[in-house]
Amino acid sequence: MPRGVPGRPERKQIPLRLNPQVADAVRRWADDELRSVNAQIEKILHDALVRAGRLPGEEPDERAGE
C-alpha cells in the first residue's frame, strides 16, 4: 500500500545528528513559529537552498534580507 498523502511527493527520511546547542535553538525557533522541529529544519534548509540558488525552479526573494 502506498504511503504518504495523495498528490504529494513521498518524503525522504534522513538521520540527522546535531550539536545539542543547535538542536535546542532549532526547537525554540520551531516553538516560536508553531512548527514541529522537523518542519522548522525543512524550512531552514529550503530557505537556504533558495538563497543559494540551489533549488531548481525557485528564485530567491530579494526582500527576504530586509
PDB file of N, CA and C in Angstrom:
ATOM      1  N   MET A   1       0.853  -1.184   0.000  1.00  0.00           N
ATOM      2  CA  MET A   1       0.000   0.000   0.000  1.00  0.00           C
ATOM      3  C   MET A   1       0.895   1.242   0.000  1.00  0.00           C
ATOM      4  N   PRO A   2       0.615   2.231  -0.877  1.00  0.00           N
ATOM      5  CA  PRO A   2       1.436   3.438  -0.924  1.00  0.00           C
ATOM      6  C   PRO A   2       1.305   4.256   0.353  1.00  0.00           C
ATOM      7  N   ARG A   3       2.411   4.879   0.725  1.00  0.00           N
ATOM      8  CA  ARG A   3       2.405   5.738   1.905  1.00  0.00           C
ATOM      9  C   ARG A   3       2.313   7.186   1.482  1.00  0.00           C
ATOM     10  N   GLY A   4       2.063   8.061   2.446  1.00  0.00           N
ATOM     11  CA  GLY A   4       2.029   9.482   2.156  1.00  0.00           C
ATOM     12  C   GLY A   4       0.649   9.966   1.786  1.00  0.00           C
ATOM     13  N   VAL A   5       0.596  11.212   1.382  1.00  0.00           N
ATOM     14  CA  VAL A   5      -0.658  11.869   1.030  1.00  0.00           C
ATOM     15  C   VAL A   5      -0.775  11.889  -0.483  1.00  0.00           C
ATOM     16  N   PRO A   6      -1.938  11.474  -1.027  1.00  0.00           N
ATOM     17  CA  PRO A   6      -2.101  11.516  -2.478  1.00  0.00           C
ATOM     18  C   PRO A   6      -1.860  12.928  -3.011  1.00  0.00           C
ATOM     19  N   GLY A   7      -1.137  13.023  -4.131  1.00  0.00           N
ATOM     20  CA  GLY A   7      -0.854  14.318  -4.726  1.00  0.00           C
ATOM     21  C   GLY A   7       0.382  15.002  -4.165  1.00  0.00           C
ATOM     22  N   ARG A   8       0.961  14.440  -3.128  1.00  0.00           N
ATOM     23  CA  ARG A   8       2.188  14.994  -2.538  1.00  0.00           C
ATOM     24  C   ARG A   8       3.334  14.026  -2.785  1.00  0.00           C
ATOM     25  N   PRO A   9       4.514  14.551  -3.063  1.00  0.00           N
ATOM     26  CA  PRO A   9       5.649  13.643  -3.251  1.00  0.00           C
ATOM     27  C   PRO A   9       6.011  12.946  -1.938  1.00  0.00           C
ATOM     28  N   GLU A  10       6.531  11.742  -2.067  1.00  0.00           N
ATOM     29  CA  GLU A  10       6.986  10.987  -0.891  1.00  0.00           C
ATOM     30  C   GLU A  10       8.128  11.756  -0.218  1.00  0.00           C
ATOM     31  N   ARG A  11       8.145  11.773   1.094  1.00  0.00           N
ATOM     32  CA  ARG A  11       9.195  12.471   1.823  1.00  0.00           C
ATOM     33  C   ARG A  11      10.315  11.488   2.145  1.00  0.00           C
ATOM     34  N   LYS A  12      11.537  11.968   2.042  1.00  0.00           N
ATOM     35  CA  LYS A  12      12.700  11.140   2.357  1.00  0.00           C
ATOM     36  C   LYS A  12      13.041  11.283   3.832  1.00  0.00           C
ATOM     37  N   GLN A  13      13.442  10.189   4.423  1.00  0.00           N
ATOM     38  CA  GLN A  13      13.874  10.204   5.817  1.00  0.00           C
ATOM     39  C   GLN A  13      15.394  10.235   5.846  1.00  0.00           C
ATOM     40  N   ILE A  14      15.941  11.167   6.630  1.00  0.00           N
ATOM     41  CA  ILE A  14      17.389  11.326   6.724  1.00  0.00           C
ATOM     42  C   ILE A  14      17.771  11.392   8.200  1.00  0.00           C
ATOM     43  N   PRO A  15      18.613  10.463   8.663  1.00  0.00           N
ATOM     44  CA  PRO A  15      19.087  10.564  10.045  1.00  0.00           C
ATOM     45  C   PRO A  15      19.933  11.829  10.196  1.00  0.00           C
ATOM     46  N   LEU A  16      19.759  12.527  11.281  1.00  0.00           N
ATOM     47  CA  LEU A  16      20.456  13.797  11.470  1.00  0.00           C
ATOM     48  C   LEU A  16      20.988  13.882  12.893  1.00  0.00           C
ATOM     49  N   ARG A  17      22.260  14.189  13.008  1.00  0.00           N
ATOM     50  CA  ARG A  17      22.868  14.400  14.324  1.00  0.00           C
ATOM     51  C   ARG A  17      23.209  15.875  14.437  1.00  0.00           C
ATOM     52  N   LEU A  18      22.792  16.485  15.528  1.00  0.00           N
ATOM     53  CA  LEU A  18      23.027  17.911  15.738  1.00  0.00           C
ATOM     54  C   LEU A  18      23.740  18.147  17.058  1.00  0.00           C
ATOM     55  N   ASN A  19      24.533  19.187  17.082  1.00  0.00           N
ATOM     56  CA  ASN A  19      25.110  19.681  18.318  1.00  0.00           C
ATOM     57  C   ASN A  19      23.932  20.019  19.242  1.00  0.00           C
ATOM     58  N   PRO A  20      23.992  19.674  20.526  1.00  0.00           N
ATOM     59  CA  PRO A  20      22.866  19.943  21.425  1.00  0.00           C
ATOM     60  C   PRO A  20      22.429  21.406  21.461  1.00  0.00           C
ATOM     61  N   GLN A  21      23.373  22.335  21.365  1.00  0.00           N
ATOM     62  CA  GLN A  21      23.003  23.758  21.367  1.00  0.00           C
ATOM     63  C   GLN A  21      22.219  24.117  20.106  1.00  0.00           C
ATOM     64  N   VAL A  22      22.627  23.570  18.973  1.00  0.00           N
ATOM     65  CA  VAL A  22      21.916  23.824  17.715  1.00  0.00           C
ATOM     66  C   VAL A  22      20.522  23.210  17.789  1.00  0.00           C
ATOM     67  N   ALA A  23      20.429  21.983  18.280  1.00  0.00           N
ATOM     68  CA  ALA A  23      19.135  21.313  18.386  1.00  0.00           C
ATOM     69  C   ALA A  23      18.184  22.104  19.284  1.00  0.00           C
ATOM     70  N   ASP A  24      18.694  22.610  20.398  1.00  0.00           N
ATOM     71  CA  ASP A  24      17.859  23.383  21.316  1.00  0.00           C
ATOM     72  C   ASP A  24      17.413  24.698  20.679  1.00  0.00           C
ATOM     73  N   ALA A  25      18.321  25.354  19.959  1.00  0.00           N
ATOM     74  CA  ALA A  25      17.968  26.610  19.289  1.00  0.00           C
ATOM     75  C   ALA A  25      16.896  26.371  18.224  1.00  0.00           C
ATOM     76  N   VAL A  26      17.017  25.286  17.469  1.00  0.00           N
ATOM     77  CA  VAL A  26      16.012  24.962  16.447  1.00  0.00           C
ATOM     78  C   VAL A  26      14.673  24.657  17.115  1.00  0.00           C
ATOM     79  N   ARG A  27      14.701  23.926  18.233  1.00  0.00           N
ATOM     80  CA  ARG A  27      13.453  23.612  18.940  1.00  0.00           C
ATOM     81  C   ARG A  27      12.761  24.881  19.417  1.00  0.00           C
ATOM     82  N   ARG A  28      13.531  25.813  19.995  1.00  0.00           N
ATOM     83  CA  ARG A  28      12.935  27.075  20.462  1.00  0.00           C
ATOM     84  C   ARG A  28      12.359  27.875  19.294  1.00  0.00           C
ATOM     85  N   TRP A  29      13.082  27.921  18.184  1.00  0.00           N
ATOM     86  CA  TRP A  29      12.624  28.637  16.997  1.00  0.00           C
ATOM     87  C   TRP A  29      11.343  28.001  16.468  1.00  0.00           C
ATOM     88  N   ALA A  30      11.317  26.676  16.425  1.00  0.00           N
ATOM     89  CA  ALA A  30      10.119  25.964  15.972  1.00  0.00           C
ATOM     90  C   ALA A  30       8.937  26.277  16.890  1.00  0.00           C
ATOM     91  N   ASP A  31       9.167  26.271  18.187  1.00  0.00           N
ATOM     92  CA  ASP A  31       8.101  26.608  19.140  1.00  0.00           C
ATOM     93  C   ASP A  31       7.574  28.019  18.893  1.00  0.00           C
ATOM     94  N   ASP A  32       8.486  28.960  18.648  1.00  0.00           N
ATOM     95  CA  ASP A  32       8.085  30.351  18.395  1.00  0.00           C
ATOM     96  C   ASP A  32       7.205  30.474  17.157  1.00  0.00           C
ATOM     97  N   GLU A  33       7.457  29.628  16.158  1.00  0.00           N
ATOM     98  CA  GLU A  33       6.717  29.709  14.896  1.00  0.00           C
ATOM     99  C   GLU A  33       5.627  28.642  14.777  1.00  0.00           C
ATOM    100  N   LEU A  34       5.347  27.965  15.909  1.00  0.00           N
ATOM    101  CA  LEU A  34       4.292  26.948  15.966  1.00  0.00           C
ATOM    102  C   LEU A  34       4.480  25.860  14.908  1.00  0.00           C
ATOM    103  N   ARG A  35       5.735  25.405  14.785  1.00  0.00           N
ATOM    104  CA  ARG A  35       6.065  24.323  13.858  1.00  0.00           C
ATOM    105  C   ARG A  35       6.683  23.180  14.644  1.00  0.00           C
ATOM    106  N   SER A  36       6.683  22.002  14.040  1.00  0.00           N
ATOM    107  CA  SER A  36       7.452  20.898  14.604  1.00  0.00           C
ATOM    108  C   SER A  36       8.926  21.169  14.317  1.00  0.00           C
ATOM    109  N   VAL A  37       9.794  20.505  15.055  1.00  0.00           N
ATOM    110  CA  VAL A  37      11.227  20.652  14.810  1.00  0.00           C
ATOM    111  C   VAL A  37      11.545  20.205  13.388  1.00  0.00           C
ATOM    112  N   ASN A  38      10.946  19.111  12.946  1.00  0.00           N
ATOM    113  CA  ASN A  38      11.179  18.620  11.594  1.00  0.00           C
ATOM    114  C   ASN A  38      10.773  19.666  10.556  1.00  0.00           C
ATOM    115  N   ALA A  39       9.602  20.260  10.717  1.00  0.00           N
ATOM    116  CA  ALA A  39       9.134  21.279   9.771  1.00  0.00           C
ATOM    117  C   ALA A  39      10.043  22.504   9.801  1.00  0.00           C
ATOM    118  N   GLN A  40      10.550  22.855  10.979  1.00  0.00           N
ATOM    119  CA  GLN A  40      11.437  24.014  11.082  1.00  0.00           C
ATOM    120  C   GLN A  40      12.752  23.749  10.367  1.00  0.00           C
ATOM    121  N   ILE A  41      13.322  22.562  10.566  1.00  0.00           N
ATOM    122  CA  ILE A  41      14.566  22.215   9.879  1.00  0.00           C
ATOM    123  C   ILE A  41      14.349  22.224   8.373  1.00  0.00           C
ATOM    124  N   GLU A  42      13.224  21.684   7.919  1.00  0.00           N
ATOM    125  CA  GLU A  42      12.936  21.680   6.485  1.00  0.00           C
ATOM    126  C   GLU A  42      12.821  23.108   5.952  1.00  0.00           C
ATOM    127  N   LYS A  43      12.175  23.995   6.696  1.00  0.00           N
ATOM    128  CA  LYS A  43      12.039  25.393   6.257  1.00  0.00           C
ATOM    129  C   LYS A  43      13.400  26.086   6.209  1.00  0.00           C
ATOM    130  N   ILE A  44      14.222  25.868   7.226  1.00  0.00           N
ATOM    131  CA  ILE A  44      15.561  26.465   7.252  1.00  0.00           C
ATOM    132  C   ILE A  44      16.368  26.002   6.037  1.00  0.00           C
ATOM    133  N   LEU A  45      16.340  24.697   5.770  1.00  0.00           N
ATOM    134  CA  LEU A  45      17.075  24.160   4.625  1.00  0.00           C
ATOM    135  C   LEU A  45      16.519  24.693   3.306  1.00  0.00           C
ATOM    136  N   HIS A  46      15.189  24.714   3.176  1.00  0.00           N
ATOM    137  CA  HIS A  46      14.555  25.212   1.954  1.00  0.00           C
ATOM    138  C   HIS A  46      14.959  26.658   1.694  1.00  0.00           C
ATOM    139  N   ASP A  47      14.841  27.504   2.711  1.00  0.00           N
ATOM    140  CA  ASP A  47      15.184  28.921   2.550  1.00  0.00           C
ATOM    141  C   ASP A  47      16.656  29.097   2.167  1.00  0.00           C
ATOM    142  N   ALA A  48      17.545  28.322   2.790  1.00  0.00           N
ATOM    143  CA  ALA A  48      18.975  28.416   2.473  1.00  0.00           C
ATOM    144  C   ALA A  48      19.251  27.961   1.043  1.00  0.00           C
ATOM    145  N   LEU A  49      18.585  26.903   0.606  1.00  0.00           N
ATOM    146  CA  LEU A  49      18.768  26.414  -0.764  1.00  0.00           C
ATOM    147  C   LEU A  49      18.276  27.423  -1.793  1.00  0.00           C
ATOM    148  N   VAL A  50      17.158  28.061  -1.515  1.00  0.00           N
ATOM    149  CA  VAL A  50      16.637  29.087  -2.431  1.00  0.00           C
ATOM    150  C   VAL A  50      17.618  30.251  -2.502  1.00  0.00           C
ATOM    151  N   ARG A  51      18.079  30.744  -1.344  1.00  0.00           N
ATOM    152  CA  ARG A  51      19.027  31.870  -1.320  1.00  0.00           C
ATOM    153  C   ARG A  51      20.314  31.544  -2.078  1.00  0.00           C
ATOM    154  N   ALA A  52      20.750  30.289  -1.995  1.00  0.00           N
ATOM    155  CA  ALA A  52      21.992  29.877  -2.656  1.00  0.00           C
ATOM    156  C   ALA A  52      21.785  29.548  -4.131  1.00  0.00           C
ATOM    157  N   GLY A  53      20.539  29.602  -4.597  1.00  0.00           N
ATOM    158  CA  GLY A  53      20.260  29.269  -5.989  1.00  0.00           C
ATOM    159  C   GLY A  53      20.405  27.787  -6.286  1.00  0.00           C
ATOM    160  N   ARG A  54      20.224  26.952  -5.272  1.00  0.00           N
ATOM    161  CA  ARG A  54      20.412  25.509  -5.411  1.00  0.00           C
ATOM    162  C   ARG A  54      19.110  24.733  -5.552  1.00  0.00           C
ATOM    163  N   LEU A  55      17.974  25.428  -5.518  1.00  0.00           N
ATOM    164  CA  LEU A  55      16.690  24.744  -5.618  1.00  0.00           C
ATOM    165  C   LEU A  55      16.093  25.071  -6.979  1.00  0.00           C
ATOM    166  N   PRO A  56      16.067  24.105  -7.895  1.00  0.00           N
ATOM    167  CA  PRO A  56      15.580  24.372  -9.246  1.00  0.00           C
ATOM    168  C   PRO A  56      14.159  24.922  -9.249  1.00  0.00           C
ATOM    169  N   GLY A  57      13.947  25.935 -10.081  1.00  0.00           N
ATOM    170  CA  GLY A  57      12.607  26.482 -10.268  1.00  0.00           C
ATOM    171  C   GLY A  57      12.186  27.512  -9.248  1.00  0.00           C
ATOM    172  N   GLU A  58      13.048  27.845  -8.304  1.00  0.00           N
ATOM    173  CA  GLU A  58      12.686  28.848  -7.299  1.00  0.00           C
ATOM    174  C   GLU A  58      13.746  29.934  -7.270  1.00  0.00           C
ATOM    175  N   GLU A  59      13.289  31.163  -7.304  1.00  0.00           N
ATOM    176  CA  GLU A  59      14.185  32.315  -7.269  1.00  0.00           C
ATOM    177  C   GLU A  59      14.225  32.882  -5.853  1.00  0.00           C
ATOM    178  N   PRO A  60      15.384  33.360  -5.420  1.00  0.00           N
ATOM    179  CA  PRO A  60      15.448  33.995  -4.097  1.00  0.00           C
ATOM    180  C   PRO A  60      14.566  35.231  -4.046  1.00  0.00           C
ATOM    181  N   ASP A  61      13.946  35.449  -2.910  1.00  0.00           N
ATOM    182  CA  ASP A  61      13.128  36.641  -2.695  1.00  0.00           C
ATOM    183  C   ASP A  61      14.074  37.765  -2.300  1.00  0.00           C
ATOM    184  N   GLU A  62      14.162  38.785  -3.154  1.00  0.00           N
ATOM    185  CA  GLU A  62      15.103  39.879  -2.899  1.00  0.00           C
ATOM    186  C   GLU A  62      14.773  40.625  -1.615  1.00  0.00           C
ATOM    187  N   ARG A  63      13.527  40.565  -1.163  1.00  0.00           N
ATOM    188  CA  ARG A  63      13.126  41.263   0.058  1.00  0.00           C
ATOM    189  C   ARG A  63      13.419  40.446   1.302  1.00  0.00           C
ATOM    190  N   ALA A  64      13.818  39.182   1.156  1.00  0.00           N
ATOM    191  CA  ALA A  64      13.991  38.296   2.304  1.00  0.00           C
ATOM    192  C   ALA A  64      15.023  38.820   3.298  1.00  0.00           C
ATOM    193  N   GLY A  65      16.014  39.573   2.824  1.00  0.00           N
ATOM    194  CA  GLY A  65      17.042  40.077   3.722  1.00  0.00           C
ATOM    195  C   GLY A  65      16.687  41.370   4.408  1.00  0.00           C
ATOM    196  N   GLU A  66      15.535  41.930   4.100  1.00  0.00           N
ATOM    197  CA  GLU A  66      15.154  43.221   4.687  1.00  0.00           C
ATOM    198  C   GLU A  66      14.682  43.072   6.106  1.00  0.00           C
TER     199      GLU A  66
END
